[in-house]
Protein backbone atom coordinates (compact mmCIF):
# COMPACT_ATOMS: atom_id res chain seq x y z
CA MET A 1 -3.57 11.30 0.55
CA THR A 2 -6.12 11.22 -2.24
CA LYS A 3 -8.87 8.63 -2.39
CA LYS A 4 -7.18 6.92 -5.33
CA ASN A 5 -3.87 6.67 -3.45
CA ARG A 6 -5.61 5.30 -0.35
CA GLU A 7 -7.27 2.60 -2.47
CA ILE A 8 -3.95 1.70 -4.09
CA ALA A 9 -2.16 1.54 -0.73
CA TYR A 10 -4.94 -0.59 0.79
CA LYS A 11 -4.83 -3.06 -2.11
CA HIS A 12 -1.03 -3.18 -1.89
CA PHE A 13 -1.03 -3.97 1.84
CA ARG A 14 -3.70 -6.67 1.45
CA ASP A 15 -1.70 -8.18 -1.42
CA LEU A 16 1.46 -8.23 0.71
CA GLU A 17 -0.45 -9.79 3.58
CA ALA A 18 -1.63 -12.64 1.37
CA ASN A 19 1.23 -13.19 -1.07
CA TYR A 20 4.59 -11.99 0.30
CA GLU A 21 7.34 -14.62 0.33
CA ALA A 22 10.84 -13.60 1.35
CA LEU A 23 13.82 -14.97 -0.51
CA PRO A 24 15.64 -17.64 1.49
CA HIS A 25 18.59 -15.40 2.35
CA LEU A 26 16.22 -12.60 3.50
CA ASP A 27 13.87 -14.74 5.56
CA ARG A 28 15.06 -13.53 8.97
CA GLY A 29 14.78 -10.42 11.09
CA MET A 30 12.80 -7.48 9.72
CA THR A 31 12.52 -8.98 6.24
CA ALA A 32 11.10 -12.33 7.37
CA THR A 33 7.88 -13.40 5.69
CA SER A 34 5.90 -13.43 8.95
CA VAL A 35 7.09 -9.95 9.97
CA ILE A 36 6.26 -8.37 6.61
CA ARG A 37 2.82 -10.02 6.54
CA GLU A 38 2.02 -8.86 10.09
CA THR A 39 3.13 -5.32 9.31
CA ALA A 40 1.10 -5.25 6.09
CA LYS A 41 -1.99 -6.46 7.99
CA LYS A 42 -1.55 -3.76 10.66
CA ASN A 43 -1.13 -1.07 8.01
CA ALA A 44 -4.17 -2.23 6.01
CA ASP A 45 -6.31 -2.43 9.15
CA ALA A 46 -5.22 1.07 10.18
CA LEU A 47 -6.10 2.44 6.73
CA LEU A 48 -9.47 0.70 6.89
CA LYS A 49 -10.19 2.10 10.35
CA ARG A 50 -9.47 5.66 9.17
CA ASN A 51 -11.27 5.17 5.83
CA PRO A 52 -14.16 2.68 6.14
CA GLU A 53 -15.20 3.24 2.51
CA LEU A 54 -12.17 1.20 1.39
CA GLU A 55 -13.86 -2.03 2.43
CA ALA A 56 -16.58 -1.67 -0.22
CA PRO A 57 -15.56 -3.45 -3.41
CA ILE A 58 -14.13 -1.06 -5.94
CA GLN A 59 -15.98 -1.39 -9.21
CA GLU A 60 -14.32 -0.48 -12.44
CA THR A 61 -16.52 1.21 -14.99
CA LYS A 62 -16.50 -0.08 -18.52
CA SER A 63 -17.46 2.08 -21.44
CA LYS A 64 -20.20 0.69 -23.63
CA GLY A 65 -19.15 0.23 -27.23
CA LYS A 66 -21.35 0.66 -30.26
CA ASN A 67 -23.12 -2.50 -31.38
């Protein structure tokens, strides 16, 4: 997995952990909100353990325009 893909996956798992809400008819079993959030947290923590550089904030570079 490339560094870019690891960063994308890490952001995705943290987003799921914080924001996932199951639809009412899917909020049971493996698709329950609590299950998905727990799984996302475990996956993000595992990625972070293998790649500690993911914790550092990712800064986007902006090109300087002519004034």
